[in-house]
Amino acid sequence: MERLIAKAYNNVWVAEDGDWRAEIYLEDDGLRVLIDHKLGDNKEDVWEYAAMLGDNFNLVTVPLGQHYCRDTVTEDWETYYEDGDAEFTLSDTGMLLWNDLKEDAGKGLAFKKIGLFYGTRWMKDDIEVYFWEWYDDCYDIRLYQRGAEDEILKATILKGEYDLSSDSVTATGEFEGEEPFTVTFSYDTDYDMIWTENGVDTVLEESFLTD
């Protein structure tokens, strides 16, 4: 039962304005929580915690949480403190609530699930799928056709809407000069990504390529 409750937190979440994102991942001895706030000019504030399930099915953190500012281009960062503390709860409507016990940074924020797609890369034959970002309430998905030396031969961008009930993303797009297509992305029980097109499922392979 406790593991099932913990899995309810295991997701990527976004606040209404889109500038705040929470990523919560299961680990062997608990959960890892990352809160990301975009500041502009390639800067972002990050709060990072180690957490465990509490008595009231909330997440309680180890009071060694970090708050730092990171440059997403240079990867330089400035640490503000390393003694942060927080708790996380799920509202009656399934929203993630963050009670920052150090500086109350989470006041007024409520995060909704967007699935475990953000930032992942997968391959379907020579097509790389990259869930690049979350914009305007949908995923910005980059598709690249790779050549023999992994060079990019052509590319397109899909806008994918997340369906909470099926935990899937459906997107429509096309490569220049080719027919439009609609594809649904989902995960199987082994957390392999599934590409579904015209009723046919394809298991994708994890990609370790970079642009």
Foldseek 3Di string as FASTA:
>chain_A
DLVVLLVLQQAKWAWPVRQWIWHWHDDPVAIKIWIWGDDDPQKIKIKIFGWHQDPVSKIWTQQQIWIWMARNPVRDIDTDGGRWTWIWDADPVGWIAIQTPPPRPRPPTTIDGQGPQAQFWWDDPQKIWGQDGQDPQWTWIKIFRADPVRDGPFIDTWTWHADPVQRKTKTWDDTPPDDIFIWIWHADPVRFIWTATPNDTDGIGGDPDDD
